[in-house]
Amino acid sequence: MKRTEQSARWPRSVAAALAMVFAAGTAHAGTALTPSLWRGAGDNFNCRVLNAGAADATATIEIRGQNGIVRASHPDAPLPIGMTSSATDLTPDIEGFCRVEVSGVIMSKVRVVLCLRDAENTPLACVTAP
C-alpha cells in the first residue's frame, strides 16, 4: 500500500515540531511559601532565597503580613548560582510569611528561609520552604 505525499509529510512535521520544543529547552519557574511566624515589638522578618541550582535565576521575594498584604518586596532580584537574595520587613505587623517566585531554575534547587530577628538582627526563629 502506497502512502500519499501528504500522509508521508505528517510524521516528519511532528518530529520537527518536537525537535524544536526540546531544542528550546525547558523553562523552570515556581513559587514557594513559608509557614507564618509571629513577632514582638522591635523584631523584624528577613526572607532569604538561595539558588542551589546549576543556572542563574531571578526571584521576586515578598514578605506578606496578615491577610496576605505585601509588607516588603524585592522584585526581579538576581539570583546567581550559589548566591542568595533577600528582603527585610520592618513594618509593625505581628504575623508574616514569605512568598517567592523563581524563574530560571527548578524549585527543588531553591531554598527559602524566613527568619524572625531581634533588633540586633540575631535570628530568634526560622522556617523553611519548600
N, C-alpha and C. Protein backbone atom coordinates (compact mmCIF):
# COMPACT_ATOMS: atom_id res chain seq x y z
N MET A 1 0.84 -1.16 0.00
CA MET A 1 0.00 0.00 0.00
C MET A 1 0.89 1.24 0.00
N LYS A 2 0.63 2.18 -0.90
CA LYS A 2 1.43 3.40 -1.02
C LYS A 2 0.90 4.50 -0.12
N ARG A 3 1.82 5.24 0.44
CA ARG A 3 1.42 6.42 1.22
C ARG A 3 1.26 7.59 0.29
N THR A 4 0.32 8.44 0.61
CA THR A 4 0.20 9.67 -0.17
C THR A 4 1.28 10.62 0.29
N GLU A 5 1.56 11.61 -0.52
CA GLU A 5 2.61 12.56 -0.18
C GLU A 5 2.26 13.31 1.10
N GLN A 6 0.99 13.65 1.29
CA GLN A 6 0.57 14.38 2.48
C GLN A 6 0.73 13.53 3.74
N SER A 7 0.34 12.27 3.70
CA SER A 7 0.47 11.43 4.89
C SER A 7 1.93 11.11 5.20
N ALA A 8 2.81 11.14 4.24
CA ALA A 8 4.24 10.91 4.46
C ALA A 8 4.88 12.13 5.13
N ARG A 9 4.36 13.33 4.88
CA ARG A 9 4.91 14.55 5.47
C ARG A 9 4.51 14.71 6.93
N TRP A 10 3.39 14.17 7.33
CA TRP A 10 2.89 14.37 8.68
C TRP A 10 3.87 13.89 9.75
N PRO A 11 4.41 12.67 9.68
CA PRO A 11 5.37 12.25 10.71
C PRO A 11 6.61 13.13 10.76
N ARG A 12 7.08 13.59 9.61
CA ARG A 12 8.25 14.48 9.59
C ARG A 12 7.93 15.82 10.25
N SER A 13 6.72 16.33 10.03
CA SER A 13 6.31 17.60 10.64
C SER A 13 6.23 17.47 12.15
N VAL A 14 5.67 16.37 12.63
CA VAL A 14 5.58 16.15 14.07
C VAL A 14 6.98 16.02 14.67
N ALA A 15 7.83 15.28 14.02
CA ALA A 15 9.21 15.11 14.52
C ALA A 15 9.93 16.45 14.55
N ALA A 16 9.74 17.27 13.53
CA ALA A 16 10.39 18.58 13.50
C ALA A 16 9.87 19.48 14.61
N ALA A 17 8.57 19.45 14.87
CA ALA A 17 7.99 20.27 15.94
C ALA A 17 8.52 19.84 17.30
N LEU A 18 8.58 18.53 17.53
CA LEU A 18 9.12 18.04 18.81
C LEU A 18 10.59 18.41 18.97
N ALA A 19 11.35 18.33 17.92
CA ALA A 19 12.76 18.70 17.99
C ALA A 19 12.92 20.18 18.35
N MET A 20 12.05 21.04 17.83
CA MET A 20 12.12 22.47 18.14
C MET A 20 11.79 22.71 19.61
N VAL A 21 10.80 21.99 20.14
CA VAL A 21 10.43 22.16 21.55
C VAL A 21 11.58 21.75 22.45
N PHE A 22 12.19 20.60 22.20
CA PHE A 22 13.28 20.14 23.05
C PHE A 22 14.54 20.96 22.87
N ALA A 23 14.78 21.48 21.68
CA ALA A 23 15.96 22.30 21.44
C ALA A 23 15.85 23.64 22.17
N ALA A 24 14.63 24.12 22.35
CA ALA A 24 14.44 25.40 23.03
C ALA A 24 14.70 25.29 24.52
N GLY A 25 14.69 24.08 25.07
CA GLY A 25 14.92 23.90 26.50
C GLY A 25 13.63 24.04 27.28
N THR A 26 13.73 23.76 28.54
CA THR A 26 12.57 23.82 29.41
C THR A 26 12.71 25.02 30.32
N ALA A 27 11.69 25.86 30.38
CA ALA A 27 11.69 26.99 31.28
C ALA A 27 11.32 26.50 32.67
N HIS A 28 12.11 26.88 33.66
CA HIS A 28 11.85 26.47 35.03
C HIS A 28 11.32 27.66 35.80
N ALA A 29 10.26 27.46 36.53
CA ALA A 29 9.68 28.51 37.35
C ALA A 29 8.85 27.86 38.45
N GLY A 30 8.64 28.59 39.51
CA GLY A 30 7.81 28.07 40.58
C GLY A 30 7.65 29.07 41.70
N THR A 31 6.80 28.70 42.66
CA THR A 31 6.50 29.55 43.80
C THR A 31 6.68 28.75 45.09
N ALA A 32 7.23 29.39 46.09
CA ALA A 32 7.39 28.77 47.41
C ALA A 32 6.78 29.69 48.47
N LEU A 33 6.14 29.09 49.46
CA LEU A 33 5.56 29.82 50.59
C LEU A 33 6.11 29.21 51.88
N THR A 34 6.55 30.06 52.80
CA THR A 34 6.98 29.57 54.11
C THR A 34 5.78 29.56 55.06
N PRO A 35 5.88 28.82 56.13
CA PRO A 35 4.88 28.96 57.20
C PRO A 35 4.99 30.36 57.82
N SER A 36 3.98 30.77 58.53
CA SER A 36 3.97 32.08 59.20
C SER A 36 4.80 32.05 60.48
N LEU A 37 5.34 33.21 60.82
CA LEU A 37 5.98 33.43 62.11
C LEU A 37 5.29 34.63 62.77
N TRP A 38 5.36 34.69 64.09
CA TRP A 38 4.79 35.80 64.86
C TRP A 38 5.94 36.56 65.50
N ARG A 39 5.80 37.87 65.59
CA ARG A 39 6.89 38.65 66.17
C ARG A 39 6.40 39.63 67.20
N GLY A 40 7.35 40.09 68.01
CA GLY A 40 7.06 41.09 69.03
C GLY A 40 7.60 42.45 68.63
N ALA A 41 7.44 43.42 69.49
CA ALA A 41 7.92 44.78 69.24
C ALA A 41 9.43 44.78 69.05
N GLY A 42 9.90 45.49 68.04
CA GLY A 42 11.33 45.61 67.78
C GLY A 42 11.92 44.50 66.93
N ASP A 43 11.18 43.42 66.69
CA ASP A 43 11.67 42.32 65.86
C ASP A 43 11.42 42.64 64.39
N ASN A 44 12.09 41.90 63.50
CA ASN A 44 11.87 42.07 62.07
C ASN A 44 11.90 40.71 61.38
N PHE A 45 11.38 40.68 60.16
CA PHE A 45 11.40 39.47 59.34
C PHE A 45 12.44 39.63 58.24
N ASN A 46 13.17 38.56 57.96
CA ASN A 46 14.09 38.53 56.82
C ASN A 46 13.83 37.25 56.04
N CYS A 47 13.58 37.41 54.75
CA CYS A 47 13.36 36.27 53.87
C CYS A 47 14.56 36.17 52.94
N ARG A 48 15.23 35.02 52.97
CA ARG A 48 16.44 34.81 52.16
C ARG A 48 16.22 33.63 51.24
N VAL A 49 16.67 33.79 49.98
CA VAL A 49 16.49 32.77 48.94
C VAL A 49 17.88 32.37 48.43
N LEU A 50 18.13 31.06 48.38
CA LEU A 50 19.40 30.52 47.89
C LEU A 50 19.17 29.76 46.60
N ASN A 51 20.01 30.02 45.61
CA ASN A 51 19.98 29.28 44.35
C ASN A 51 21.03 28.16 44.44
N ALA A 52 20.57 26.92 44.65
CA ALA A 52 21.47 25.76 44.71
C ALA A 52 21.48 25.02 43.38
N GLY A 53 20.97 25.65 42.34
CA GLY A 53 20.88 25.02 41.03
C GLY A 53 22.14 25.23 40.21
N ALA A 54 22.05 24.85 38.93
CA ALA A 54 23.19 24.91 38.02
C ALA A 54 23.05 26.04 37.00
N ALA A 55 22.09 26.95 37.22
CA ALA A 55 21.89 28.07 36.30
C ALA A 55 21.51 29.31 37.09
N ASP A 56 21.85 30.48 36.55
CA ASP A 56 21.43 31.74 37.17
C ASP A 56 19.92 31.84 37.10
N ALA A 57 19.33 32.55 38.06
CA ALA A 57 17.88 32.68 38.12
C ALA A 57 17.52 34.10 38.56
N THR A 58 16.24 34.39 38.57
CA THR A 58 15.72 35.61 39.16
C THR A 58 14.60 35.23 40.11
N ALA A 59 14.39 36.08 41.12
CA ALA A 59 13.37 35.79 42.12
C ALA A 59 12.64 37.07 42.49
N THR A 60 11.35 36.94 42.72
CA THR A 60 10.57 38.02 43.32
C THR A 60 10.29 37.57 44.75
N ILE A 61 10.83 38.31 45.70
CA ILE A 61 10.75 37.95 47.11
C ILE A 61 9.76 38.90 47.78
N GLU A 62 8.76 38.33 48.46
CA GLU A 62 7.77 39.15 49.16
C GLU A 62 7.62 38.64 50.59
N ILE A 63 7.56 39.58 51.52
CA ILE A 63 7.17 39.25 52.88
C ILE A 63 5.76 39.81 53.04
N ARG A 64 4.85 38.92 53.36
CA ARG A 64 3.44 39.30 53.48
C ARG A 64 3.01 39.22 54.93
N GLY A 65 2.15 40.16 55.31
CA GLY A 65 1.63 40.18 56.66
C GLY A 65 0.27 39.52 56.74
N GLN A 66 -0.45 39.88 57.80
CA GLN A 66 -1.80 39.35 57.98
C GLN A 66 -2.63 39.64 56.74
N ASN A 67 -3.51 38.74 56.39
CA ASN A 67 -4.39 38.86 55.23
C ASN A 67 -3.63 38.89 53.90
N GLY A 68 -2.35 38.51 53.89
CA GLY A 68 -1.60 38.42 52.65
C GLY A 68 -1.11 39.73 52.07
N ILE A 69 -1.20 40.81 52.82
CA ILE A 69 -0.77 42.12 52.33
C ILE A 69 0.75 42.16 52.24
N VAL A 70 1.29 42.63 51.09
CA VAL A 70 2.74 42.71 50.89
C VAL A 70 3.30 43.80 51.79
N ARG A 71 4.25 43.42 52.67
CA ARG A 71 4.89 44.36 53.60
C ARG A 71 6.28 44.77 53.14
N ALA A 72 6.94 43.91 52.39
CA ALA A 72 8.27 44.21 51.84
C ALA A 72 8.46 43.33 50.62
N SER A 73 9.17 43.86 49.61
CA SER A 73 9.43 43.03 48.43
C SER A 73 10.74 43.41 47.77
N HIS A 74 11.26 42.47 47.03
CA HIS A 74 12.45 42.65 46.21
C HIS A 74 12.12 42.01 44.86
N PRO A 75 11.51 42.79 43.94
CA PRO A 75 11.11 42.21 42.65
C PRO A 75 12.31 41.98 41.74
N ASP A 76 12.24 40.92 40.95
CA ASP A 76 13.26 40.59 39.95
C ASP A 76 14.68 40.61 40.52
N ALA A 77 14.84 40.07 41.70
CA ALA A 77 16.16 40.01 42.33
C ALA A 77 17.04 39.03 41.58
N PRO A 78 18.26 39.43 41.20
CA PRO A 78 19.17 38.47 40.57
C PRO A 78 19.55 37.38 41.56
N LEU A 79 19.62 36.16 41.07
CA LEU A 79 19.92 35.01 41.91
C LEU A 79 20.95 34.13 41.20
N PRO A 80 22.24 34.56 41.21
CA PRO A 80 23.29 33.77 40.55
C PRO A 80 23.48 32.41 41.24
N ILE A 81 24.12 31.50 40.55
CA ILE A 81 24.39 30.16 41.07
C ILE A 81 25.12 30.27 42.41
N GLY A 82 24.60 29.58 43.43
CA GLY A 82 25.25 29.53 44.73
C GLY A 82 25.12 30.78 45.58
N MET A 83 24.34 31.76 45.14
CA MET A 83 24.21 33.03 45.86
C MET A 83 22.81 33.18 46.44
N THR A 84 22.65 34.21 47.28
CA THR A 84 21.35 34.49 47.90
C THR A 84 20.89 35.90 47.58
N SER A 85 19.59 36.11 47.70
CA SER A 85 18.97 37.44 47.69
C SER A 85 17.99 37.45 48.84
N SER A 86 17.65 38.66 49.33
CA SER A 86 16.75 38.70 50.47
C SER A 86 15.90 39.97 50.48
N ALA A 87 14.90 39.96 51.35
CA ALA A 87 14.07 41.12 51.64
C ALA A 87 13.88 41.16 53.15
N THR A 88 13.76 42.37 53.70
CA THR A 88 13.56 42.54 55.14
C THR A 88 12.34 43.40 55.38
N ASP A 89 11.52 43.01 56.36
CA ASP A 89 10.30 43.73 56.71
C ASP A 89 10.44 44.31 58.11
N LEU A 90 10.33 45.63 58.20
CA LEU A 90 10.42 46.31 59.49
C LEU A 90 9.08 46.87 59.94
N THR A 91 8.01 46.66 59.15
CA THR A 91 6.70 47.23 59.48
C THR A 91 6.11 46.54 60.70
N PRO A 92 5.29 47.26 61.46
CA PRO A 92 4.74 46.69 62.70
C PRO A 92 3.52 45.77 62.45
N ASP A 93 3.78 44.59 61.95
CA ASP A 93 2.73 43.59 61.76
C ASP A 93 3.15 42.37 62.57
N ILE A 94 2.23 41.76 63.26
CA ILE A 94 2.63 40.69 64.17
C ILE A 94 2.79 39.33 63.52
N GLU A 95 2.28 39.16 62.31
CA GLU A 95 2.39 37.87 61.63
C GLU A 95 2.98 38.10 60.25
N GLY A 96 3.81 37.16 59.79
CA GLY A 96 4.37 37.29 58.45
C GLY A 96 4.80 35.97 57.87
N PHE A 97 4.77 35.90 56.54
CA PHE A 97 5.27 34.73 55.83
C PHE A 97 5.96 35.22 54.56
N CYS A 98 6.73 34.34 53.96
CA CYS A 98 7.50 34.69 52.77
C CYS A 98 6.92 33.98 51.56
N ARG A 99 6.77 34.72 50.47
CA ARG A 99 6.32 34.18 49.19
C ARG A 99 7.39 34.52 48.15
N VAL A 100 7.89 33.49 47.47
CA VAL A 100 8.96 33.68 46.50
C VAL A 100 8.57 33.05 45.17
N GLU A 101 8.69 33.82 44.10
CA GLU A 101 8.52 33.30 42.74
C GLU A 101 9.89 33.30 42.09
N VAL A 102 10.29 32.14 41.56
CA VAL A 102 11.61 31.99 40.97
C VAL A 102 11.47 31.55 39.52
N SER A 103 12.33 32.09 38.66
CA SER A 103 12.39 31.62 37.27
C SER A 103 13.85 31.40 36.90
N GLY A 104 14.07 30.40 36.05
CA GLY A 104 15.41 30.10 35.57
C GLY A 104 16.05 28.88 36.19
N VAL A 105 15.42 28.31 37.23
CA VAL A 105 15.97 27.13 37.89
C VAL A 105 14.79 26.33 38.48
N ILE A 106 14.95 25.02 38.58
CA ILE A 106 13.86 24.22 39.12
C ILE A 106 13.74 24.46 40.63
N MET A 107 12.51 24.43 41.13
CA MET A 107 12.25 24.78 42.53
C MET A 107 12.93 23.84 43.52
N SER A 108 13.20 22.61 43.13
CA SER A 108 13.87 21.71 44.06
C SER A 108 15.30 22.16 44.35
N LYS A 109 15.81 23.10 43.59
CA LYS A 109 17.16 23.62 43.78
C LYS A 109 17.15 25.01 44.43
N VAL A 110 16.00 25.40 44.97
CA VAL A 110 15.86 26.71 45.62
C VAL A 110 15.55 26.49 47.09
N ARG A 111 16.23 27.23 47.96
CA ARG A 111 15.98 27.16 49.39
C ARG A 111 15.46 28.52 49.85
N VAL A 112 14.37 28.52 50.59
CA VAL A 112 13.76 29.75 51.10
C VAL A 112 13.71 29.66 52.62
N VAL A 113 14.20 30.70 53.30
CA VAL A 113 14.21 30.75 54.75
C VAL A 113 13.63 32.08 55.21
N LEU A 114 12.64 32.02 56.09
CA LEU A 114 12.10 33.21 56.74
C LEU A 114 12.57 33.18 58.18
N CYS A 115 13.27 34.24 58.59
CA CYS A 115 13.75 34.31 59.97
C CYS A 115 13.13 35.51 60.69
N LEU A 116 12.77 35.27 61.93
CA LEU A 116 12.38 36.32 62.86
C LEU A 116 13.66 36.74 63.56
N ARG A 117 13.98 38.05 63.48
CA ARG A 117 15.22 38.54 64.08
C ARG A 117 14.92 39.64 65.09
N ASP A 118 15.79 39.74 66.10
CA ASP A 118 15.61 40.81 67.09
C ASP A 118 16.21 42.10 66.55
N ALA A 119 16.21 43.14 67.38
CA ALA A 119 16.69 44.46 66.95
C ALA A 119 18.15 44.46 66.52
N GLU A 120 18.93 43.49 67.02
CA GLU A 120 20.35 43.38 66.63
C GLU A 120 20.53 42.41 65.46
N ASN A 121 19.43 41.99 64.83
CA ASN A 121 19.41 41.06 63.70
C ASN A 121 19.88 39.65 64.05
N THR A 122 19.76 39.28 65.31
CA THR A 122 20.06 37.92 65.73
C THR A 122 18.82 37.06 65.47
N PRO A 123 18.96 35.96 64.74
CA PRO A 123 17.79 35.11 64.48
C PRO A 123 17.21 34.54 65.77
N LEU A 124 15.89 34.65 65.90
CA LEU A 124 15.18 34.10 67.05
C LEU A 124 14.47 32.80 66.68
N ALA A 125 13.98 32.74 65.44
CA ALA A 125 13.30 31.56 64.92
C ALA A 125 13.34 31.63 63.40
N CYS A 126 13.44 30.47 62.75
CA CYS A 126 13.45 30.40 61.29
C CYS A 126 12.58 29.24 60.82
N VAL A 127 11.95 29.44 59.66
CA VAL A 127 11.18 28.39 59.00
C VAL A 127 11.63 28.35 57.55
N THR A 128 11.48 27.16 56.93
CA THR A 128 11.95 27.00 55.56
C THR A 128 10.84 26.52 54.63
N ALA A 129 11.08 26.69 53.34
CA ALA A 129 10.21 26.17 52.29
C ALA A 129 11.09 25.88 51.10
N PRO A 130 10.83 24.98 50.27
CA PRO A 130 9.75 24.01 50.35
C PRO A 130 10.08 22.91 51.32
